[in-house]
Amino acid sequence: MLNFREKIEVELDQFYSDIAPAEDFVIAREELEGLLALLGDPFLQTILTMRVQACTIDEIACHLGLVPRTIKRKLGLIGLTYDEYRRAPD
């Protein structure tokens, strides 16, 4: 059985391999892995992973048993975290 991190990696490999050239795939995957690590919270990681997989806010809310407004707030928090990640020196 795959742990949470392994499951995300498999899903992301499948998702990105269908839509991106190899170089873009590597860059996008590194960005996403960095953000997932920075988030640290499995709940936020799940929301981000589902959103990357093109799930709608309503679909994510339904899957997690929450209202869409909660998902929107969490996505806002994820966005702020991503902004911090992008500003951090390499």
C-alpha atoms as a PDB file:
ATOM      1  CA  MET A   1       0.000   0.000   0.000  1.00  0.00           C
ATOM      2  CA  LEU A   2       1.329   3.418  -0.939  1.00  0.00           C
ATOM      3  CA  ASN A   3       1.803   6.107   1.664  1.00  0.00           C
ATOM      4  CA  PHE A   4       0.430   9.584   1.079  1.00  0.00           C
ATOM      5  CA  ARG A   5       3.630  10.931  -0.502  1.00  0.00           C
ATOM      6  CA  GLU A   6       4.038   7.942  -2.836  1.00  0.00           C
ATOM      7  CA  LYS A   7       0.403   8.184  -3.916  1.00  0.00           C
ATOM      8  CA  ILE A   8       0.820  11.865  -4.792  1.00  0.00           C
ATOM      9  CA  GLU A   9       3.967  11.094  -6.769  1.00  0.00           C
ATOM     10  CA  VAL A  10       2.220   8.380  -8.812  1.00  0.00           C
ATOM     11  CA  GLU A  11      -0.795  10.598  -9.486  1.00  0.00           C
ATOM     12  CA  LEU A  12       1.354  13.565 -10.471  1.00  0.00           C
ATOM     13  CA  ASP A  13       3.486  11.434 -12.782  1.00  0.00           C
ATOM     14  CA  GLN A  14       0.351  10.230 -14.541  1.00  0.00           C
ATOM     15  CA  PHE A  15      -1.193  13.691 -14.720  1.00  0.00           C
ATOM     16  CA  TYR A  16       1.853  15.574 -15.981  1.00  0.00           C
ATOM     17  CA  SER A  17       3.050  12.890 -18.370  1.00  0.00           C
ATOM     18  CA  ASP A  18      -0.209  13.297 -20.275  1.00  0.00           C
ATOM     19  CA  ILE A  19       0.049  17.060 -20.734  1.00  0.00           C
ATOM     20  CA  ALA A  20       3.604  18.375 -20.559  1.00  0.00           C
ATOM     21  CA  PRO A  21       6.855  17.920 -22.472  1.00  0.00           C
ATOM     22  CA  ALA A  22       9.602  16.294 -20.429  1.00  0.00           C
ATOM     23  CA  GLU A  23      11.429  19.503 -19.459  1.00  0.00           C
ATOM     24  CA  ASP A  24       8.215  21.270 -18.452  1.00  0.00           C
ATOM     25  CA  PHE A  25       7.188  18.182 -16.518  1.00  0.00           C
ATOM     26  CA  VAL A  26      10.386  18.214 -14.468  1.00  0.00           C
ATOM     27  CA  ILE A  27      10.082  21.917 -13.662  1.00  0.00           C
ATOM     28  CA  ALA A  28       6.408  21.693 -12.743  1.00  0.00           C
ATOM     29  CA  ARG A  29       6.970  18.602 -10.634  1.00  0.00           C
ATOM     30  CA  GLU A  30       9.824  20.243  -8.712  1.00  0.00           C
ATOM     31  CA  GLU A  31       7.688  23.328  -8.076  1.00  0.00           C
ATOM     32  CA  LEU A  32       4.775  21.239  -6.892  1.00  0.00           C
ATOM     33  CA  GLU A  33       6.894  18.988  -4.691  1.00  0.00           C
ATOM     34  CA  GLY A  34       8.485  22.028  -3.105  1.00  0.00           C
ATOM     35  CA  LEU A  35       5.110  23.557  -2.382  1.00  0.00           C
ATOM     36  CA  LEU A  36       3.699  20.289  -1.023  1.00  0.00           C
ATOM     37  CA  ALA A  37       6.688  19.960   1.304  1.00  0.00           C
ATOM     38  CA  LEU A  38       6.349  23.554   2.427  1.00  0.00           C
ATOM     39  CA  LEU A  39       2.643  23.119   3.154  1.00  0.00           C
ATOM     40  CA  GLY A  40       3.375  20.176   5.437  1.00  0.00           C
ATOM     41  CA  ASP A  41      -0.333  19.735   6.210  1.00  0.00           C
ATOM     42  CA  PRO A  42      -1.844  16.594   4.612  1.00  0.00           C
ATOM     43  CA  PHE A  43      -5.217  18.344   4.394  1.00  0.00           C
ATOM     44  CA  LEU A  44      -3.794  21.248   2.361  1.00  0.00           C
ATOM     45  CA  GLN A  45      -1.701  18.812   0.332  1.00  0.00           C
ATOM     46  CA  THR A  46      -4.843  16.896  -0.578  1.00  0.00           C
ATOM     47  CA  ILE A  47      -6.635  20.057  -1.684  1.00  0.00           C
ATOM     48  CA  LEU A  48      -3.667  21.130  -3.798  1.00  0.00           C
ATOM     49  CA  THR A  49      -3.266  17.687  -5.338  1.00  0.00           C
ATOM     50  CA  MET A  50      -6.939  17.523  -6.265  1.00  0.00           C
ATOM     51  CA  ARG A  51      -6.822  21.031  -7.733  1.00  0.00           C
ATOM     52  CA  VAL A  52      -3.756  20.150  -9.824  1.00  0.00           C
ATOM     53  CA  GLN A  53      -5.724  17.178 -11.110  1.00  0.00           C
ATOM     54  CA  ALA A  54      -8.301  19.680 -12.403  1.00  0.00           C
ATOM     55  CA  CYS A  55     -10.943  18.982  -9.765  1.00  0.00           C
ATOM     56  CA  THR A  56     -13.356  21.838  -9.274  1.00  0.00           C
ATOM     57  CA  ILE A  57     -13.826  23.574  -5.955  1.00  0.00           C
ATOM     58  CA  ASP A  58     -17.236  21.924  -5.639  1.00  0.00           C
ATOM     59  CA  GLU A  59     -15.753  18.478  -6.329  1.00  0.00           C
ATOM     60  CA  ILE A  60     -13.033  18.970  -3.730  1.00  0.00           C
ATOM     61  CA  ALA A  61     -15.569  20.222  -1.175  1.00  0.00           C
ATOM     62  CA  CYS A  62     -17.857  17.264  -1.810  1.00  0.00           C
ATOM     63  CA  HIS A  63     -14.983  14.773  -1.585  1.00  0.00           C
ATOM     64  CA  LEU A  64     -13.794  16.243   1.722  1.00  0.00           C
ATOM     65  CA  GLY A  65     -17.259  16.860   3.161  1.00  0.00           C
ATOM     66  CA  LEU A  66     -16.798  20.632   3.346  1.00  0.00           C
ATOM     67  CA  VAL A  67     -18.484  23.683   1.880  1.00  0.00           C
ATOM     68  CA  PRO A  68     -16.916  25.317  -1.200  1.00  0.00           C
ATOM     69  CA  ARG A  69     -16.128  28.494   0.748  1.00  0.00           C
ATOM     70  CA  THR A  70     -13.779  26.514   3.024  1.00  0.00           C
ATOM     71  CA  ILE A  71     -11.945  25.137   0.003  1.00  0.00           C
ATOM     72  CA  LYS A  72     -11.633  28.650  -1.457  1.00  0.00           C
ATOM     73  CA  ARG A  73     -10.098  29.887   1.799  1.00  0.00           C
ATOM     74  CA  LYS A  74      -7.675  26.974   1.891  1.00  0.00           C
ATOM     75  CA  LEU A  75      -6.701  27.611  -1.739  1.00  0.00           C
ATOM     76  CA  GLY A  76      -6.046  31.230  -0.786  1.00  0.00           C
ATOM     77  CA  LEU A  77      -3.727  30.037   1.970  1.00  0.00           C
ATOM     78  CA  ILE A  78      -2.011  27.692  -0.473  1.00  0.00           C
ATOM     79  CA  GLY A  79      -1.589  30.630  -2.878  1.00  0.00           C
ATOM     80  CA  LEU A  80       0.042  32.755  -0.180  1.00  0.00           C
ATOM     81  CA  THR A  81       2.359  29.873   0.669  1.00  0.00           C
ATOM     82  CA  TYR A  82       3.244  29.497  -3.007  1.00  0.00           C
ATOM     83  CA  ASP A  83       4.067  33.206  -3.218  1.00  0.00           C
ATOM     84  CA  GLU A  84       6.448  32.788  -0.273  1.00  0.00           C
ATOM     85  CA  TYR A  85       7.964  29.705  -1.900  1.00  0.00           C
ATOM     86  CA  ARG A  86       8.587  31.574  -5.151  1.00  0.00           C
ATOM     87  CA  ARG A  87      10.228  34.510  -3.343  1.00  0.00           C
ATOM     88  CA  ALA A  88      12.557  32.315  -1.299  1.00  0.00           C
ATOM     89  CA  PRO A  89      16.165  32.276  -2.504  1.00  0.00           C
ATOM     90  CA  ASP A  90      17.251  29.017  -4.122  1.00  0.00           C
END
